[in-house]
Protein backbone atom coordinates (compact mmCIF):
# COMPACT_ATOMS: atom_id res chain seq x y z
CA MET A 1 -136.86 11.17 107.26
CA GLY A 2 -133.61 9.40 106.50
CA ASN A 3 -130.66 10.70 104.40
CA ASN A 4 -132.28 12.61 101.54
CA THR A 5 -128.95 13.93 100.37
CA PHE A 6 -127.69 10.42 99.61
CA LYS A 7 -130.90 9.47 97.80
CA LEU A 8 -130.72 12.52 95.57
CA THR A 9 -127.12 11.93 94.76
CA LYS A 10 -127.77 8.35 93.61
CA LEU A 11 -130.69 9.55 91.52
CA ALA A 12 -128.53 12.18 89.86
CA LEU A 13 -125.87 9.62 89.05
CA ALA A 14 -128.47 7.35 87.54
CA ILE A 15 -129.90 10.10 85.40
CA GLY A 16 -126.40 11.22 84.30
CA LEU A 17 -125.34 7.71 83.37
CA THR A 18 -128.52 7.21 81.37
CA ALA A 19 -127.90 10.44 79.44
CA THR A 20 -124.33 9.50 78.74
CA LEU A 21 -125.21 6.09 77.42
CA SER A 22 -127.97 7.58 75.31
CA GLY A 23 -125.45 10.00 73.72
CA CYS A 24 -123.12 7.17 72.74
CA PHE A 25 -125.76 5.77 70.40
CA SER A 26 -126.84 9.11 68.88
CA ASP A 27 -126.40 9.95 65.13
CA ASN A 28 -125.96 13.67 65.84
CA ASP A 29 -122.97 13.77 68.10
CA ASP A 30 -120.58 15.43 65.57
CA ASN A 31 -118.02 12.75 66.19
CA ASP A 32 -117.65 11.56 62.46
CA TYR A 33 -114.87 9.20 61.51
CA VAL A 34 -111.71 10.99 60.27
CA LYS A 35 -109.67 9.11 57.65
CA PRO A 36 -105.94 9.13 58.39
CA PRO A 37 -103.94 11.42 55.96
CA GLU A 38 -102.45 9.80 52.85
CA PRO A 39 -98.68 9.62 52.89
CA PRO A 40 -97.08 12.09 50.36
CA VAL A 41 -96.51 10.73 46.84
CA PRO A 42 -92.81 11.03 45.96
CA THR A 43 -92.22 13.04 42.75
CA VAL A 44 -89.25 14.28 40.75
CA LYS A 45 -88.86 17.18 38.30
CA ALA A 46 -88.91 15.83 34.74
CA PRO A 47 -88.42 17.80 31.49
CA VAL A 48 -91.16 18.36 28.94
CA ALA A 49 -90.95 19.64 25.37
CA ASP A 50 -91.43 23.40 25.45
CA THR A 51 -90.09 24.81 22.17
CA PRO A 52 -92.51 26.53 19.77
CA ALA A 53 -93.79 25.36 16.41
CA ALA A 54 -91.76 26.09 13.28
CA LEU A 55 -91.71 29.69 12.10
CA THR A 56 -93.44 30.11 8.76
CA PHE A 57 -92.61 33.77 8.23
CA TYR A 58 -89.78 36.14 9.02
CA VAL A 59 -87.29 38.22 7.03
CA ALA A 60 -83.71 37.08 6.48
CA GLY A 61 -81.37 39.64 4.93
CA ASN A 62 -77.79 39.87 3.75
CA VAL A 63 -75.57 42.92 3.31
CA VAL A 64 -72.84 42.30 0.73
CA ASP A 65 -70.05 44.05 -1.10
CA SER A 66 -71.40 44.89 -4.57
CA GLU A 67 -68.22 43.70 -6.28
CA THR A 68 -66.93 40.74 -4.25
CA GLY A 69 -70.25 39.45 -2.91
CA GLU A 70 -68.71 39.04 0.54
CA VAL A 71 -70.82 39.97 3.56
CA VAL A 72 -70.23 43.38 5.17
CA ALA A 73 -70.50 44.32 8.86
CA SER A 74 -73.16 47.02 8.93
CA THR A 75 -76.05 48.75 10.66
CA VAL A 76 -79.58 48.25 9.36
CA LYS A 77 -82.43 50.64 10.19
CA PHE A 78 -86.09 49.74 9.59
CA LEU A 79 -88.19 52.64 8.34
CA GLU A 80 -91.74 53.38 7.28
CA ALA A 81 -92.34 56.64 5.41
CA GLY A 82 -89.03 57.95 6.72
CA VAL A 83 -89.54 57.20 10.42
CA ALA A 84 -88.55 54.22 12.57
CA SER A 85 -91.00 51.36 12.07
CA ALA A 86 -93.15 50.39 15.05
CA ASN A 87 -94.00 47.06 13.41
CA VAL A 88 -90.59 45.37 13.53
CA VAL A 89 -89.55 42.91 16.24
CA ALA A 90 -86.58 40.63 16.78
CA LEU A 91 -87.16 36.89 16.53
CA ASN A 92 -87.61 36.78 20.32
CA GLY A 93 -90.42 39.34 20.07
CA ASP A 94 -88.51 42.37 21.37
CA ALA A 95 -89.27 45.63 19.56
CA ILE A 96 -86.37 46.88 17.45
CA THR A 97 -85.79 49.78 15.07
CA GLU A 98 -82.27 48.86 13.97
CA VAL A 99 -79.71 46.09 14.23
CA ALA A 100 -75.92 46.02 14.08
CA THR A 101 -74.58 42.96 12.29
CA THR A 102 -70.98 41.78 12.37
CA ASP A 103 -71.43 39.10 9.71
CA GLY A 104 -73.66 40.97 7.29
CA SER A 105 -76.81 38.98 8.09
CA PHE A 106 -79.94 40.24 9.81
CA THR A 107 -83.34 38.81 10.68
CA PHE A 108 -86.56 40.31 11.91
CA ASN A 109 -90.27 39.62 12.24
CA LEU A 110 -93.39 41.76 12.42
CA VAL A 111 -95.61 42.42 15.42
CA GLU A 112 -98.57 40.09 15.54
CA GLY A 113 -101.38 41.29 13.30
CA ALA A 114 -99.29 43.87 11.44
CA GLU A 115 -100.69 44.46 7.95
CA LEU A 116 -97.51 46.04 6.68
CA THR A 117 -96.79 45.21 3.02
CA GLN A 118 -93.38 46.86 2.69
CA LEU A 119 -90.73 48.78 4.58
CA THR A 120 -87.36 50.34 3.87
CA ALA A 121 -84.14 48.81 5.17
CA LEU A 122 -81.50 51.56 5.27
CA VAL A 123 -77.95 50.24 5.55
CA THR A 124 -74.72 51.98 6.50
CA ALA A 125 -71.23 50.52 6.85
CA GLU A 126 -67.78 51.92 7.48
CA GLY A 127 -66.00 52.61 4.19
CA TYR A 128 -69.11 52.10 2.04
CA ALA A 129 -71.72 54.33 0.44
CA SER A 130 -75.02 53.95 2.28
CA ASN A 131 -77.88 52.20 0.50
CA SER A 132 -81.45 51.16 1.07
CA VAL A 133 -83.86 48.56 -0.28
CA VAL A 134 -87.62 48.29 -0.18
CA VAL A 135 -88.51 44.94 1.43
CA ASP A 136 -91.66 43.35 -0.01
CA LEU A 137 -93.75 41.93 2.86
CA SER A 138 -96.92 41.22 0.92
CA ASP A 139 -96.51 37.43 1.08
CA LYS A 140 -96.32 36.24 4.69
CA SER A 141 -96.69 32.54 3.89
CA GLU A 142 -92.93 31.91 3.76
CA VAL A 143 -89.56 33.33 4.75
CA VAL A 144 -88.69 36.53 2.88
CA ASP A 145 -85.11 36.78 1.61
CA THR A 146 -83.64 40.20 0.83
CA ILE A 147 -80.18 41.43 -0.13
CA VAL A 148 -78.52 44.85 0.08
CA SER A 149 -75.44 45.57 -2.04
CA LEU A 150 -73.05 48.27 -0.85
CA VAL A 151 -70.48 50.07 -2.99
CA LYS A 152 -67.06 50.33 -1.40
CA LEU A 153 -65.61 53.84 -1.36
CA ASP A 154 -62.55 52.85 -3.32
CA GLU A 155 -60.95 55.69 -5.29
CA ASN A 156 -60.05 53.16 -7.99
CA LYS A 157 -63.74 52.34 -8.47
CA VAL A 158 -65.71 55.52 -7.70
CA THR A 159 -64.95 59.23 -7.83
CA LEU A 160 -64.89 60.98 -4.51
CA ILE A 161 -63.74 63.92 -2.46
CA LYS A 162 -63.01 62.64 1.02
CA ASP A 163 -62.42 64.70 4.15
CA LYS A 164 -61.46 67.87 2.27
CA LYS A 165 -60.95 70.68 4.80
CA VAL A 166 -62.31 74.12 3.92
CA ALA A 167 -61.73 77.27 5.99
CA ALA A 168 -64.82 78.92 7.52
CA ALA A 169 -65.75 81.69 9.95
CA ASP A 170 -69.03 82.92 11.45
CA GLY A 171 -71.02 80.20 9.71
CA LYS A 172 -69.72 81.05 6.23
CA LEU A 173 -66.87 79.89 4.02
CA ALA A 174 -63.71 81.98 4.17
CA ALA A 175 -63.32 81.71 0.39
CA PRO A 176 -65.62 80.62 -2.46
CA LEU A 177 -65.82 76.85 -2.89
CA ALA A 178 -65.66 75.32 -6.38
CA GLU A 179 -64.72 71.66 -6.17
CA THR A 180 -64.98 69.06 -8.91
CA ALA A 181 -64.91 65.31 -8.37
CA GLY A 182 -65.22 63.57 -11.71
CA ALA A 183 -68.86 63.82 -12.71
CA ALA A 184 -69.80 66.24 -9.91
CA THR A 185 -69.03 69.87 -9.08
CA ILE A 186 -70.14 71.83 -6.02
CA GLU A 187 -70.04 75.62 -5.79
CA ILE A 188 -70.79 77.72 -2.68
CA GLY A 189 -70.18 81.45 -2.29
CA THR A 190 -68.89 83.25 0.79
CA ASP A 191 -72.21 85.01 1.33
CA VAL A 192 -74.09 81.73 1.94
CA GLU A 193 -74.77 80.88 5.58
CA LEU A 194 -74.17 77.23 6.43
CA GLN A 195 -76.91 75.93 8.73
CA ASP A 196 -77.59 72.84 10.86
CA ALA A 197 -80.82 70.81 10.95
CA GLU A 198 -82.51 73.47 13.13
CA GLY A 199 -81.55 76.29 10.77
CA ASN A 200 -78.83 77.69 13.03
CA ALA A 201 -75.55 78.91 11.62
CA VAL A 202 -72.81 76.36 12.21
CA THR A 203 -69.74 77.29 14.23
CA GLY A 204 -66.05 76.58 13.87
CA THR A 205 -63.23 77.59 11.56
CA GLU A 206 -63.20 74.50 9.37
CA VAL A 207 -65.72 72.61 7.23
CA THR A 208 -65.27 69.05 5.92
CA LEU A 209 -66.51 68.19 2.43
CA ASN A 210 -67.29 64.66 1.16
CA VAL A 211 -68.56 63.93 -2.35
CA VAL A 212 -69.27 60.53 -3.92
CA THR A 213 -70.18 60.09 -7.58
CA ALA A 214 -69.62 57.84 -10.60
CA ASP A 215 -70.12 57.99 -14.35
CA ILE A 216 -73.41 56.72 -15.73
CA ASN A 217 -71.49 54.94 -18.51
CA ALA A 218 -68.72 53.55 -16.32
CA ALA A 219 -65.53 52.23 -17.86
CA ALA A 220 -64.56 48.59 -17.38
CA GLY A 221 -63.57 47.92 -13.78
CA LYS A 222 -65.34 51.03 -12.51
CA THR A 223 -68.53 51.39 -10.50
CA ALA A 224 -71.49 52.76 -12.45
CA ALA A 225 -73.64 55.59 -11.10
CA VAL A 226 -76.72 53.33 -11.12
CA ASP A 227 -75.09 51.08 -8.48
CA LEU A 228 -74.95 54.04 -6.08
CA ILE A 229 -78.65 54.88 -6.39
CA PRO A 230 -80.76 53.61 -3.44
CA GLU A 231 -84.13 51.98 -4.16
CA GLY A 232 -87.39 53.89 -4.06
CA LEU A 233 -86.77 56.43 -6.84
CA THR A 234 -90.10 56.48 -8.67
CA ASN A 235 -92.22 58.74 -10.85
CA ALA A 236 -95.49 60.24 -9.66
CA ASP A 237 -97.08 59.03 -12.90
CA ALA A 238 -97.62 55.27 -12.58
CA THR A 239 -97.32 54.86 -16.36
CA LYS A 240 -93.79 56.29 -16.27
CA VAL A 241 -90.52 55.06 -14.79
CA VAL A 242 -87.41 56.95 -13.76
CA VAL A 243 -84.41 56.44 -16.01
CA PRO A 244 -81.31 57.80 -14.21
CA ALA A 245 -78.72 59.97 -15.93
CA ALA A 246 -76.43 60.86 -13.00
CA TYR A 247 -76.04 60.52 -9.24
CA MET A 248 -73.99 62.29 -6.61
CA SER A 249 -73.91 62.30 -2.82
CA VAL A 250 -72.72 65.47 -1.09
CA GLU A 251 -72.01 65.84 2.64
CA MET A 252 -70.61 68.77 4.61
CA LEU A 253 -69.82 68.89 8.30
CA ALA A 254 -68.71 71.55 10.74
CA GLY A 255 -66.92 69.39 13.27
CA ASP A 256 -69.45 66.62 13.97
CA THR A 257 -72.45 68.76 12.98
CA LYS A 258 -73.99 68.06 9.59
CA ILE A 259 -74.70 71.08 7.42
CA LYS A 260 -78.29 70.53 6.35
CA SER A 261 -79.42 73.80 4.77
CA PHE A 262 -78.28 77.14 3.38
CA SER A 263 -79.48 80.72 3.59
CA GLU A 264 -79.59 80.84 -0.21
CA ASN A 265 -79.14 78.57 -3.16
CA ILE A 266 -75.97 76.72 -3.94
CA SER A 267 -74.99 75.20 -7.28
CA LEU A 268 -74.31 71.57 -8.13
CA THR A 269 -73.17 70.28 -11.51
CA ALA A 270 -73.32 66.74 -12.83
CA ASN A 271 -71.03 66.29 -15.84
CA LEU A 272 -72.50 63.85 -18.33
CA PRO A 273 -70.18 62.10 -20.79
CA ALA A 274 -70.06 63.63 -24.26
CA THR A 275 -71.52 60.41 -25.69
CA PHE A 276 -74.56 60.41 -23.39
CA LYS A 277 -77.85 59.69 -25.13
CA THR A 278 -81.25 60.75 -23.86
CA ILE A 279 -84.16 58.34 -23.71
CA ASP A 280 -85.25 59.21 -27.24
CA GLY A 281 -81.86 58.08 -28.52
CA SER A 282 -80.52 61.53 -29.42
CA MET A 283 -77.23 62.95 -28.15
CA VAL A 284 -77.52 65.25 -25.16
CA GLU A 285 -77.19 68.92 -26.06
CA ALA A 286 -77.35 72.35 -24.50
CA GLY A 287 -80.81 73.25 -23.26
CA ASP A 288 -81.90 69.69 -22.49
CA LYS A 289 -83.53 69.33 -19.09
CA PHE A 290 -83.51 66.55 -16.50
CA ASP A 291 -85.65 65.98 -13.44
CA VAL A 292 -83.85 66.20 -10.09
CA SER A 293 -84.65 64.07 -7.03
CA SER A 294 -83.01 64.22 -3.61
CA TYR A 295 -82.45 61.24 -1.36
CA ASN A 296 -82.39 61.69 2.40
CA GLU A 297 -79.71 59.33 3.68
CA GLU A 298 -81.16 59.43 7.20
CA THR A 299 -84.80 58.62 6.34
CA GLY A 300 -84.44 56.64 3.10
CA VAL A 301 -87.01 58.88 1.40
CA TRP A 302 -86.79 60.33 -2.10
CA ALA A 303 -88.26 63.76 -2.87
CA ASN A 304 -88.69 65.60 -6.17
CA GLU A 305 -86.88 68.94 -6.41
CA ALA A 306 -88.75 71.91 -7.87
CA GLU A 307 -85.90 72.92 -10.18
CA GLN A 308 -84.88 70.90 -13.21
CA ALA A 309 -81.26 70.56 -14.29
CA THR A 310 -80.36 72.31 -17.52
CA VAL A 311 -77.59 71.18 -19.84
CA GLY A 312 -75.02 73.82 -20.58
CA ASP A 313 -72.51 74.11 -23.41
CA ALA A 314 -70.05 71.35 -24.33
CA GLY A 315 -72.26 68.71 -22.77
CA ALA A 316 -71.82 69.97 -19.19
CA LEU A 317 -74.98 69.54 -17.11
CA THR A 318 -75.51 72.44 -14.72
CA LEU A 319 -77.71 71.74 -11.71
CA PRO A 320 -78.57 74.90 -9.73
CA ALA A 321 -80.03 72.69 -6.96
CA LYS A 322 -82.06 75.47 -5.34
CA PHE A 323 -82.47 74.08 -1.84
CA ALA A 324 -85.99 74.50 -0.59
CA THR A 325 -85.21 71.24 1.18
CA ASP A 326 -83.25 71.09 4.43
CA HIS A 327 -80.99 68.30 3.19
CA LEU A 328 -77.57 68.25 1.61
CA THR A 329 -77.49 64.64 0.55
CA GLY A 330 -77.85 62.38 -2.51
CA PHE A 331 -79.14 63.72 -5.83
CA ALA A 332 -80.25 61.86 -8.96
CA LEU A 333 -80.83 63.36 -12.39
CA SER A 334 -83.31 61.44 -14.48
CA GLU A 335 -85.77 61.30 -17.35
CA ALA A 336 -89.28 59.87 -17.31
CA GLN A 337 -90.01 57.11 -19.80
CA THR A 338 -93.01 54.95 -20.57
CA ALA A 339 -93.09 51.98 -18.21
CA CYS A 340 -93.23 48.36 -19.27
CA SER A 341 -96.86 47.25 -18.86
CA THR A 342 -96.02 43.59 -18.27
CA PRO A 343 -94.10 41.83 -15.47
CA ILE A 344 -90.43 40.93 -15.87
CA SER A 345 -90.69 37.14 -16.03
CA TYR A 346 -88.03 34.44 -16.19
CA THR A 347 -87.69 30.79 -17.14
CA PHE A 348 -84.75 28.54 -16.29
CA THR A 349 -83.74 25.58 -18.43
CA GLY A 350 -80.94 23.07 -17.87
CA ASP A 351 -79.77 22.22 -14.36
CA ALA A 352 -82.19 22.23 -11.43
CA VAL A 353 -82.51 25.24 -9.14
CA PRO A 354 -81.20 24.41 -5.65
CA ALA A 355 -83.82 24.76 -2.91
CA SER A 356 -81.75 27.55 -1.34
CA GLY A 357 -82.28 29.60 -4.49
CA LEU A 358 -80.24 31.55 -7.04
CA TYR A 359 -79.68 35.29 -7.41
CA VAL A 360 -80.80 36.88 -10.67
CA HIS A 361 -78.95 40.14 -11.37
CA LEU A 362 -80.19 42.62 -13.99
CA ASN A 363 -77.52 45.17 -14.85
CA SER A 364 -77.13 48.01 -17.33
CA SER A 365 -76.22 51.71 -17.24
CA THR A 366 -79.74 52.49 -15.99
CA VAL A 367 -80.88 49.28 -14.24
CA SER A 368 -79.33 47.45 -11.28
CA LYS A 369 -81.56 44.91 -9.56
CA LYS A 370 -80.84 41.64 -7.75
CA LYS A 371 -83.38 39.12 -6.50
CA LEU A 372 -83.30 35.61 -5.02
CA VAL A 373 -85.56 33.07 -6.78
CA LYS A 374 -86.26 29.46 -5.84
CA LYS A 375 -88.49 28.29 -8.68
CA VAL A 376 -87.81 27.29 -12.26
CA GLN A 377 -89.99 30.12 -13.54
CA GLY A 378 -91.98 33.08 -12.32
CA ASN A 379 -92.03 36.87 -12.17
CA LEU A 380 -88.98 38.77 -11.02
CA TYR A 381 -90.84 42.08 -10.78
CA GLY A 382 -94.29 43.35 -11.59
CA ALA A 383 -95.31 45.76 -14.32
CA GLY A 384 -94.13 49.37 -14.21
CA VAL A 385 -90.65 48.64 -12.83
CA VAL A 386 -88.50 49.23 -15.91
CA ALA A 387 -88.89 51.19 -19.13
CA ASP A 388 -90.68 49.52 -22.03
CA ASN A 389 -87.43 49.37 -24.02
CA ALA A 390 -85.10 48.44 -21.13
CA VAL A 391 -82.20 46.17 -22.02
CA ALA A 392 -79.77 44.65 -19.51
CA ASN A 393 -77.24 41.90 -19.02
CA VAL A 394 -78.58 39.05 -16.90
CA SER A 395 -76.44 36.87 -14.67
CA VAL A 396 -77.54 34.03 -12.39
CA LYS A 397 -75.32 33.14 -9.43
CA ASP A 398 -75.57 31.00 -6.32
CA LYS A 399 -74.96 32.38 -2.86
CA ASN A 400 -71.26 31.60 -3.09
CA GLY A 401 -70.78 33.70 -6.22
CA ASN A 402 -70.61 30.81 -8.70
CA VAL A 403 -72.08 31.73 -12.10
CA TRP A 404 -74.83 29.40 -13.32
CA GLY A 405 -75.87 31.27 -16.44
CA THR A 406 -75.79 34.59 -18.31
CA VAL A 407 -77.72 36.38 -21.03
CA ALA A 408 -76.35 39.48 -22.77
CA ASN A 409 -78.57 42.41 -23.76
CA ALA A 410 -81.85 40.80 -22.72
CA ASN A 411 -85.08 42.69 -23.27
CA LEU A 412 -86.51 43.13 -19.77
CA CYS A 413 -90.04 44.02 -20.82
CA GLY A 414 -91.30 40.47 -21.18
CA ALA A 415 -89.81 37.01 -20.70
CA ILE A 416 -86.16 36.14 -20.02
CA THR A 417 -84.88 32.60 -20.57
CA VAL A 418 -81.62 31.51 -18.94
CA ALA A 419 -79.93 28.13 -19.42
CA LEU A 420 -78.48 26.96 -16.10
CA ASP A 421 -75.23 25.02 -15.93
CA SER A 422 -74.06 24.39 -12.36
CA PRO A 423 -70.28 24.90 -12.08
CA VAL A 424 -70.13 22.90 -8.82
CA THR A 425 -71.61 19.71 -7.35
CA ILE A 426 -74.62 20.55 -5.20
CA VAL A 427 -75.78 18.39 -2.28
CA ALA A 428 -78.41 18.69 0.45
CA GLN A 429 -78.54 17.30 3.98
CA ASN A 430 -80.40 17.79 7.24
CA LEU A 431 -79.18 19.14 10.55
CA ASN A 432 -81.18 17.52 13.35
CA VAL A 433 -81.16 19.95 16.26
CA THR A 434 -82.04 18.70 19.76
CA TYR A 435 -81.73 19.83 23.36
CA THR A 436 -81.23 18.22 26.76
CA CYS A 437 -82.14 19.60 30.18
CA SER A 438 -79.48 19.96 32.87
CA ASN A 439 -81.98 21.51 35.31
CA ALA A 440 -84.11 18.35 35.43
CA GLU A 441 -83.84 15.70 38.19
CA VAL A 442 -84.41 12.83 35.77
CA ASP A 443 -83.96 12.30 32.03
CA LYS A 444 -81.12 14.79 31.90
CA ASP A 445 -79.78 13.00 28.86
CA LYS A 446 -83.11 12.65 27.08
CA THR A 447 -83.16 14.67 23.85
CA PHE A 448 -86.07 16.70 22.55
CA PRO A 449 -86.29 18.17 19.03
CA LEU A 450 -85.51 21.91 19.05
CA THR A 451 -88.43 23.23 17.05
CA GLY A 452 -89.14 26.82 16.08
CA ALA A 453 -85.51 27.85 15.69
CA VAL A 454 -83.97 29.87 12.86
CA VAL A 455 -81.01 28.07 11.33
CA LEU A 456 -78.67 30.09 9.10
CA TYR A 457 -75.73 28.63 7.19
CA SER A 458 -73.05 29.89 4.82
CA GLN A 459 -69.52 29.53 3.61
CA THR A 460 -67.16 31.88 5.43
CA LYS A 461 -67.83 35.51 4.43
CA ARG A 462 -70.46 34.49 1.88
CA THR A 463 -74.19 35.14 1.65
CA ILE A 464 -76.21 33.32 4.29
CA SER A 465 -79.02 30.84 3.56
CA THR A 466 -82.01 29.94 5.73
CA ALA A 467 -82.88 26.31 6.52
CA VAL A 468 -86.45 25.04 6.26
CA GLU A 469 -87.60 23.12 9.35
CA THR A 470 -89.61 19.94 9.76
CA ALA A 471 -90.10 18.93 13.44
CA GLY A 472 -86.63 19.99 14.52
CA SER A 473 -84.90 18.77 11.37
CA TYR A 474 -83.45 21.65 9.36
CA ALA A 475 -82.83 21.22 5.63
CA LEU A 476 -79.48 22.59 4.47
CA THR A 477 -79.82 22.89 0.70
CA GLY A 478 -77.69 24.28 -2.11
CA LEU A 479 -74.48 23.09 -0.45
CA GLU A 480 -71.27 22.98 -2.44
CA SER A 481 -69.93 19.45 -1.99
CA GLY A 482 -66.82 19.13 0.15
CA VAL A 483 -67.02 22.64 1.60
CA THR A 484 -67.36 23.46 5.31
CA TYR A 485 -70.27 25.69 6.29
CA ASP A 486 -70.72 27.88 9.35
CA VAL A 487 -74.11 27.32 11.01
CA LYS A 488 -75.98 29.60 13.41
CA VAL A 489 -78.91 28.25 15.43
CA ILE A 490 -81.18 30.96 16.84
CA PRO A 491 -83.79 29.46 19.23
CA THR A 492 -87.08 31.33 19.49
CA GLY A 493 -89.76 31.28 22.18
CA ILE A 494 -87.29 30.14 24.87
CA ASN A 495 -84.54 31.90 26.78
CA VAL A 496 -81.57 30.40 24.95
CA GLY A 497 -78.96 32.43 23.11
CA LEU A 498 -77.47 31.96 19.68
CA GLN A 499 -75.62 28.68 19.13
CA SER A 500 -72.93 27.94 16.54
CA THR A 501 -71.55 24.85 14.83
CA THR A 502 -70.11 23.74 11.49
CA VAL A 503 -71.05 21.07 8.96
CA THR A 504 -69.24 19.63 5.97
CA ALA A 505 -71.28 19.32 2.80
CA ASN A 506 -71.34 15.61 1.97
CA GLY A 507 -75.04 14.74 1.68
CA THR A 508 -75.11 13.01 5.08
CA ASP A 509 -77.39 14.21 7.88
CA SER A 510 -75.76 15.41 11.09
CA ALA A 511 -76.90 16.22 14.63
CA PHE A 512 -76.39 19.16 16.97
CA ASN A 513 -77.48 19.18 20.62
CA ILE A 514 -77.91 22.15 22.97
CA VAL A 515 -77.71 21.71 26.76
CA ARG A 516 -80.27 23.88 28.55
CA ASP A 517 -80.49 24.83 32.22
CA ASN A 518 -83.95 26.39 31.95
CA CYS A 519 -86.22 23.70 30.52
CA THR A 520 -89.86 23.58 31.54
CA LEU A 521 -90.30 20.83 34.18
CA GLU A 522 -93.24 18.82 35.49
CA ASP A 523 -93.76 16.62 38.56
CA ARG A 524 -93.36 12.96 37.76
CA VAL A 525 -94.47 10.27 40.24
CA VAL A 526 -91.76 7.97 41.65
CA THR A 527 -92.68 4.27 41.78
CA GLY A 528 -90.87 1.35 43.33
CA THR A 529 -89.12 0.55 40.09
CA GLY A 530 -88.72 4.01 38.66
CA THR A 531 -91.00 6.85 37.66
CA THR A 532 -94.31 7.11 35.88
CA GLY A 533 -96.12 9.85 34.06
CA GLY A 534 -94.77 12.59 31.84
CA SER A 535 -93.22 12.01 28.46
């Protein structure tokens, strides 16, 4: 039979070899060609422009001394209908309800989509009477400028009782109180319980009394009562306006606790001058009555009191001030008069208005208003703001206090024309603000325009102006030639803090660069001769 095992083995090898060779030429052997991996492309971190577009709207405010015009360190609260506004944000977008300013300037914006048309800015400062203004937010197409004037508590200018100590026990005065401070008198009996904001009797053996007031017809060099009156005092009848006759602010404290209410009525008296005339032009006399409004110095809200003030003998005005309210605060006596039915308009002639604007101040014994204007003509205020026969002195000043023009005894119900004559040489120049990126690997010295910043500038201690931006170039206008200005640069949309510099007003553009360590970076391809890509 031979060796069958050998024959089978050779046959198996032949079959196996045939199968193997057949597989080498198959299209379905899953042995596709694999391309070798590409070597990594070398890249570096390069900076890219990352600052936001120019801001078109925000509010820039100044708090100033009413007499000197110098800025005042202060605290500003933002209120709507007496409560903290939920619509106010800082320029970086953080929600805020108040700001503390060391240089008298403040800025804020509104939350995106807010339809707010006005809010109250309530301002307090050490050594000054508190004040508030109503900020008009109806036009959001440009930066809104606002100014708050504070009256210094100077005994040579205003009448006041300051830190008078009065004995007390068991929440009541130890002896009747009858204190007079110029145009104001306060009377409280020993049977009246002194209460805190919750209606609880106050404790302690001593009460502190503070009273601030001024004459409505102030003598030369004195502060007038109208300058103490915060904004927002209006009449319920839209055809009427409030014409003030007196103002006083009364505060009492038991230790650090404010006395806010009483168990029964107390009496306040505002003493009008013997020459005081009512709105119909007649001399004040016994039996005449005045409306009474109270101002809450914590909420910035005015409220009408139920009781009117009645004039007593010898021209003394007795105000019973029956407190249904829980406040012991500011009080205004007033008369209602027919409102002017037309806007208060103005026209400037003579020298040109600097782009930074001029302040128009309307002042009389019953009117005190100040507004920044930037055009040669327009409306200062709408209809219904002053009485139809209101007369006031008009002065126009720049932000450094220089007088550009005045008009005496101008009729406010209608048009006011003021001839401007600049007392100083005015120049304008640009500040080109850029930034470089220290956190980049290349182009560390390349500059990018710093867009979207807020640039504020002023003479030392004077009112601050806001620069208008064009692609990182900020226009400094209304500069007094030869004077050095302090400049603050507040970047927005990026994590960079406030920057400061100075410029000299000479009409020549200058540059200011900020070094950043947090620029946005992108990968840039490295070539044999350098880098490509990016900008």
